[in-house]
Amino acid sequence: MAIPFSTSELLGTRLRHLVDVMDGDVAAVYTDLGLNGFRPRFTPVVRALAATGPASIRDLARALGVTHSAASQTVAQMVKQDLLVLAPGEDARQRIARLTPRAESLLPTLEAEWAATSRAAAELEAELSFPLGQLIDEVFEALSRRPMRGRIADAAPDLLARAAVRDAPASDR
């Protein structure tokens, strides 16, 4: 079946699929190592906390380059798997994450896996016409200068104006 879209029209879908494929393979390595249920998104959190000690979820999000919501969800999953414990922070809104003894016992394996995955990623990048990591950095830089929302608005100036008219109360039309 031919898909009636160009590859640039499916950019977000293709990027999500790429992450799913790569994460799936890394997760399979964790299973091979006997770490059933350990997710690729957990390793950067474990490594960050091992390097710096306990940290707030906000600080973890900043360190990992993810949203607070994404960090909070990951931390919640890790608490359920007895990899992290949470303690109250300086105010009622803040929660401090700390590695459990179970997570600390996994550090040698996770460090070895991280090193192997980093070497494999470098090998993959060497096969590409342009380094993926550099391209991702450039995309983030371009979007920080001009977010996708603005690009969409510029590509179809009438689109948001029509939506505003449609959603306005009848008395304002």
C-alpha atoms as a PDB file:
ATOM      1  CA  MET A   1       0.000   0.000   0.000  1.00  0.00           C
ATOM      2  CA  ALA A   2       1.430   3.361  -0.983  1.00  0.00           C
ATOM      3  CA  ILE A   3       1.206   6.058   1.656  1.00  0.00           C
ATOM      4  CA  PRO A   4      -0.186   9.274   0.154  1.00  0.00           C
ATOM      5  CA  PHE A   5       2.196  11.541   2.078  1.00  0.00           C
ATOM      6  CA  SER A   6       5.711  12.764   1.429  1.00  0.00           C
ATOM      7  CA  THR A   7       8.370  11.844   3.963  1.00  0.00           C
ATOM      8  CA  SER A   8       8.527  15.433   5.232  1.00  0.00           C
ATOM      9  CA  GLU A   9       4.781  15.321   5.901  1.00  0.00           C
ATOM     10  CA  LEU A  10       5.341  12.311   8.142  1.00  0.00           C
ATOM     11  CA  LEU A  11       8.375  13.746   9.930  1.00  0.00           C
ATOM     12  CA  GLY A  12       6.955  13.486  13.468  1.00  0.00           C
ATOM     13  CA  THR A  13       5.663   9.965  12.844  1.00  0.00           C
ATOM     14  CA  ARG A  14       9.002   8.866  11.430  1.00  0.00           C
ATOM     15  CA  LEU A  15      10.949  10.413  14.322  1.00  0.00           C
ATOM     16  CA  ARG A  16       8.728   8.631  16.873  1.00  0.00           C
ATOM     17  CA  HIS A  17       9.230   5.362  14.968  1.00  0.00           C
ATOM     18  CA  LEU A  18      13.016   5.868  14.935  1.00  0.00           C
ATOM     19  CA  VAL A  19      13.040   6.375  18.717  1.00  0.00           C
ATOM     20  CA  ASP A  20      10.783   3.319  19.156  1.00  0.00           C
ATOM     21  CA  VAL A  21      13.115   1.152  17.036  1.00  0.00           C
ATOM     22  CA  MET A  22      16.263   2.297  18.824  1.00  0.00           C
ATOM     23  CA  ASP A  23      14.712   2.123  22.314  1.00  0.00           C
ATOM     24  CA  GLY A  24      13.302  -1.310  21.518  1.00  0.00           C
ATOM     25  CA  ASP A  25      16.757  -2.625  20.708  1.00  0.00           C
ATOM     26  CA  VAL A  26      18.292  -1.055  23.828  1.00  0.00           C
ATOM     27  CA  ALA A  27      15.460  -2.532  25.925  1.00  0.00           C
ATOM     28  CA  ALA A  28      16.228  -5.942  24.385  1.00  0.00           C
ATOM     29  CA  VAL A  29      19.835  -5.563  25.565  1.00  0.00           C
ATOM     30  CA  TYR A  30      18.552  -4.838  29.091  1.00  0.00           C
ATOM     31  CA  THR A  31      16.478  -8.021  28.923  1.00  0.00           C
ATOM     32  CA  ASP A  32      19.558  -9.929  27.687  1.00  0.00           C
ATOM     33  CA  LEU A  33      21.373  -8.563  30.760  1.00  0.00           C
ATOM     34  CA  GLY A  34      18.605  -9.832  33.061  1.00  0.00           C
ATOM     35  CA  LEU A  35      17.143  -6.353  33.645  1.00  0.00           C
ATOM     36  CA  ASN A  36      13.577  -7.224  32.678  1.00  0.00           C
ATOM     37  CA  GLY A  37      11.310  -4.177  32.635  1.00  0.00           C
ATOM     38  CA  PHE A  38      14.213  -1.724  32.775  1.00  0.00           C
ATOM     39  CA  ARG A  39      13.547   1.006  30.233  1.00  0.00           C
ATOM     40  CA  PRO A  40      16.108   2.971  28.216  1.00  0.00           C
ATOM     41  CA  ARG A  41      14.756   6.232  29.616  1.00  0.00           C
ATOM     42  CA  PHE A  42      15.757   5.115  33.135  1.00  0.00           C
ATOM     43  CA  THR A  43      19.516   4.969  32.515  1.00  0.00           C
ATOM     44  CA  PRO A  44      20.148   8.723  32.147  1.00  0.00           C
ATOM     45  CA  VAL A  45      18.243   9.305  35.405  1.00  0.00           C
ATOM     46  CA  VAL A  46      20.264   6.651  37.248  1.00  0.00           C
ATOM     47  CA  ARG A  47      23.527   8.017  35.843  1.00  0.00           C
ATOM     48  CA  ALA A  48      22.634  11.615  36.728  1.00  0.00           C
ATOM     49  CA  LEU A  49      21.717  10.731  40.308  1.00  0.00           C
ATOM     50  CA  ALA A  50      24.804   8.536  40.674  1.00  0.00           C
ATOM     51  CA  ALA A  51      26.962  11.459  39.552  1.00  0.00           C
ATOM     52  CA  THR A  52      25.319  14.254  41.532  1.00  0.00           C
ATOM     53  CA  GLY A  53      23.430  12.608  44.359  1.00  0.00           C
ATOM     54  CA  PRO A  54      19.772  13.251  45.198  1.00  0.00           C
ATOM     55  CA  ALA A  55      18.060  15.858  43.047  1.00  0.00           C
ATOM     56  CA  SER A  56      14.685  17.458  42.556  1.00  0.00           C
ATOM     57  CA  ILE A  57      12.607  16.330  39.614  1.00  0.00           C
ATOM     58  CA  ARG A  58      12.939  19.831  38.153  1.00  0.00           C
ATOM     59  CA  ASP A  59      16.741  19.637  38.367  1.00  0.00           C
ATOM     60  CA  LEU A  60      16.679  16.174  36.787  1.00  0.00           C
ATOM     61  CA  ALA A  61      14.509  17.460  33.937  1.00  0.00           C
ATOM     62  CA  ARG A  62      16.957  20.317  33.320  1.00  0.00           C
ATOM     63  CA  ALA A  63      19.984  18.026  33.456  1.00  0.00           C
ATOM     64  CA  LEU A  64      18.435  15.528  31.044  1.00  0.00           C
ATOM     65  CA  GLY A  65      16.957  18.084  28.658  1.00  0.00           C
ATOM     66  CA  VAL A  66      13.369  16.885  29.063  1.00  0.00           C
ATOM     67  CA  THR A  67      10.186  18.505  30.309  1.00  0.00           C
ATOM     68  CA  HIS A  68       9.288  18.444  34.005  1.00  0.00           C
ATOM     69  CA  SER A  69       6.267  16.307  33.083  1.00  0.00           C
ATOM     70  CA  ALA A  70       8.426  13.733  31.263  1.00  0.00           C
ATOM     71  CA  ALA A  71      10.894  13.579  34.162  1.00  0.00           C
ATOM     72  CA  SER A  72       8.066  13.243  36.680  1.00  0.00           C
ATOM     73  CA  GLN A  73       6.504  10.369  34.732  1.00  0.00           C
ATOM     74  CA  THR A  74       9.832   8.577  34.416  1.00  0.00           C
ATOM     75  CA  VAL A  75      10.563   9.044  38.121  1.00  0.00           C
ATOM     76  CA  ALA A  76       7.113   7.651  39.015  1.00  0.00           C
ATOM     77  CA  GLN A  77       7.800   4.534  36.915  1.00  0.00           C
ATOM     78  CA  MET A  78      11.196   4.133  38.543  1.00  0.00           C
ATOM     79  CA  VAL A  79       9.698   4.421  42.035  1.00  0.00           C
ATOM     80  CA  LYS A  80       7.296   1.573  41.153  1.00  0.00           C
ATOM     81  CA  GLN A  81      10.283  -0.566  40.129  1.00  0.00           C
ATOM     82  CA  ASP A  82      12.158   0.177  43.374  1.00  0.00           C
ATOM     83  CA  LEU A  83      14.868   2.127  41.558  1.00  0.00           C
ATOM     84  CA  LEU A  84      14.158   5.483  43.222  1.00  0.00           C
ATOM     85  CA  VAL A  85      12.656   6.824  46.408  1.00  0.00           C
ATOM     86  CA  LEU A  86      11.142  10.273  46.765  1.00  0.00           C
ATOM     87  CA  ALA A  87      11.417  12.588  49.729  1.00  0.00           C
ATOM     88  CA  PRO A  88       9.883  16.015  50.326  1.00  0.00           C
ATOM     89  CA  GLY A  89      11.983  18.968  49.256  1.00  0.00           C
ATOM     90  CA  GLU A  90      12.324  22.448  50.687  1.00  0.00           C
ATOM     91  CA  ASP A  91       8.688  23.239  49.950  1.00  0.00           C
ATOM     92  CA  ALA A  92       5.558  21.132  49.565  1.00  0.00           C
ATOM     93  CA  ARG A  93       5.756  21.168  45.753  1.00  0.00           C
ATOM     94  CA  GLN A  94       9.297  19.872  45.491  1.00  0.00           C
ATOM     95  CA  ARG A  95      10.183  16.177  45.546  1.00  0.00           C
ATOM     96  CA  ILE A  96      13.746  14.901  45.801  1.00  0.00           C
ATOM     97  CA  ALA A  97      14.670  11.672  43.997  1.00  0.00           C
ATOM     98  CA  ARG A  98      17.332   9.348  45.370  1.00  0.00           C
ATOM     99  CA  LEU A  99      18.658   6.018  44.085  1.00  0.00           C
ATOM    100  CA  THR A 100      17.644   2.908  45.989  1.00  0.00           C
ATOM    101  CA  PRO A 101      20.173   0.229  46.926  1.00  0.00           C
ATOM    102  CA  ARG A 102      18.712  -1.843  44.066  1.00  0.00           C
ATOM    103  CA  ALA A 103      19.508   0.917  41.539  1.00  0.00           C
ATOM    104  CA  GLU A 104      22.982   1.386  43.012  1.00  0.00           C
ATOM    105  CA  SER A 105      23.645  -2.355  42.585  1.00  0.00           C
ATOM    106  CA  LEU A 106      22.859  -2.023  38.858  1.00  0.00           C
ATOM    107  CA  LEU A 107      25.374   0.788  38.275  1.00  0.00           C
ATOM    108  CA  PRO A 108      28.292  -1.366  37.022  1.00  0.00           C
ATOM    109  CA  THR A 109      26.040  -3.109  34.490  1.00  0.00           C
ATOM    110  CA  LEU A 110      24.376   0.133  33.415  1.00  0.00           C
ATOM    111  CA  GLU A 111      27.722   1.907  32.991  1.00  0.00           C
ATOM    112  CA  ALA A 112      29.007  -0.953  30.817  1.00  0.00           C
ATOM    113  CA  GLU A 113      25.802  -0.932  28.772  1.00  0.00           C
ATOM    114  CA  TRP A 114      25.968   2.887  28.420  1.00  0.00           C
ATOM    115  CA  ALA A 115      29.543   2.678  27.121  1.00  0.00           C
ATOM    116  CA  ALA A 116      28.621  -0.073  24.639  1.00  0.00           C
ATOM    117  CA  THR A 117      25.523   1.816  23.479  1.00  0.00           C
ATOM    118  CA  SER A 118      27.574   4.992  23.034  1.00  0.00           C
ATOM    119  CA  ARG A 119      30.098   3.098  20.888  1.00  0.00           C
ATOM    120  CA  ALA A 120      27.254   1.558  18.856  1.00  0.00           C
ATOM    121  CA  ALA A 121      25.672   5.007  18.370  1.00  0.00           C
ATOM    122  CA  ALA A 122      29.000   6.426  17.166  1.00  0.00           C
ATOM    123  CA  GLU A 123      29.300   3.534  14.718  1.00  0.00           C
ATOM    124  CA  LEU A 124      25.766   4.206  13.462  1.00  0.00           C
ATOM    125  CA  GLU A 125      26.537   7.907  13.012  1.00  0.00           C
ATOM    126  CA  ALA A 126      29.656   6.988  11.004  1.00  0.00           C
ATOM    127  CA  GLU A 127      27.403   5.166   8.519  1.00  0.00           C
ATOM    128  CA  LEU A 128      25.172   8.207   8.006  1.00  0.00           C
ATOM    129  CA  SER A 129      25.680  11.033   5.528  1.00  0.00           C
ATOM    130  CA  PHE A 130      25.402  13.506   8.429  1.00  0.00           C
ATOM    131  CA  PRO A 131      25.842  12.880  12.182  1.00  0.00           C
ATOM    132  CA  LEU A 132      22.411  12.381  13.749  1.00  0.00           C
ATOM    133  CA  GLY A 133      23.403  13.992  17.058  1.00  0.00           C
ATOM    134  CA  GLN A 134      24.580  17.127  15.280  1.00  0.00           C
ATOM    135  CA  LEU A 135      21.393  17.250  13.222  1.00  0.00           C
ATOM    136  CA  ILE A 136      19.239  16.935  16.354  1.00  0.00           C
ATOM    137  CA  ASP A 137      21.169  19.796  17.973  1.00  0.00           C
ATOM    138  CA  GLU A 138      20.608  21.924  14.869  1.00  0.00           C
ATOM    139  CA  VAL A 139      16.875  21.158  14.870  1.00  0.00           C
ATOM    140  CA  PHE A 140      16.579  22.231  18.516  1.00  0.00           C
ATOM    141  CA  GLU A 141      18.527  25.425  17.779  1.00  0.00           C
ATOM    142  CA  ALA A 142      16.312  26.224  14.770  1.00  0.00           C
ATOM    143  CA  LEU A 143      13.150  25.600  16.796  1.00  0.00           C
ATOM    144  CA  SER A 144      14.395  27.780  19.636  1.00  0.00           C
ATOM    145  CA  ARG A 145      14.843  30.614  17.137  1.00  0.00           C
ATOM    146  CA  ARG A 146      11.462  30.001  15.498  1.00  0.00           C
ATOM    147  CA  PRO A 147       9.099  27.427  17.077  1.00  0.00           C
ATOM    148  CA  MET A 148       7.072  25.033  14.959  1.00  0.00           C
ATOM    149  CA  ARG A 149       3.839  26.774  15.927  1.00  0.00           C
ATOM    150  CA  GLY A 150       5.055  29.992  14.303  1.00  0.00           C
ATOM    151  CA  ARG A 151       6.245  28.100  11.244  1.00  0.00           C
ATOM    152  CA  ILE A 152       2.794  26.539  10.856  1.00  0.00           C
ATOM    153  CA  ALA A 153       1.116  29.927  11.275  1.00  0.00           C
ATOM    154  CA  ASP A 154       3.440  31.416   8.632  1.00  0.00           C
ATOM    155  CA  ALA A 155       2.797  28.502   6.262  1.00  0.00           C
ATOM    156  CA  ALA A 156      -0.987  29.014   6.466  1.00  0.00           C
ATOM    157  CA  PRO A 157      -1.786  32.522   7.748  1.00  0.00           C
ATOM    158  CA  ASP A 158      -5.547  32.073   7.248  1.00  0.00           C
ATOM    159  CA  LEU A 159      -5.693  28.806   9.186  1.00  0.00           C
ATOM    160  CA  LEU A 160      -5.552  30.252  12.704  1.00  0.00           C
ATOM    161  CA  ALA A 161      -7.601  33.291  11.702  1.00  0.00           C
ATOM    162  CA  ARG A 162     -10.416  30.985  10.488  1.00  0.00           C
ATOM    163  CA  ALA A 163     -10.240  29.029  13.748  1.00  0.00           C
ATOM    164  CA  ALA A 164     -10.467  32.234  15.780  1.00  0.00           C
ATOM    165  CA  VAL A 165     -13.573  33.315  13.836  1.00  0.00           C
ATOM    166  CA  ARG A 166     -15.123  29.860  14.156  1.00  0.00           C
ATOM    167  CA  ASP A 167     -14.556  29.777  17.923  1.00  0.00           C
ATOM    168  CA  ALA A 168     -15.669  33.370  18.587  1.00  0.00           C
ATOM    169  CA  PRO A 169     -19.091  33.896  20.157  1.00  0.00           C
ATOM    170  CA  ALA A 170     -21.801  34.583  17.555  1.00  0.00           C
ATOM    171  CA  SER A 171     -22.206  38.132  18.867  1.00  0.00           C
ATOM    172  CA  ASP A 172     -18.559  38.884  17.971  1.00  0.00           C
ATOM    173  CA  ARG A 173     -18.781  37.659  14.360  1.00  0.00           C
END
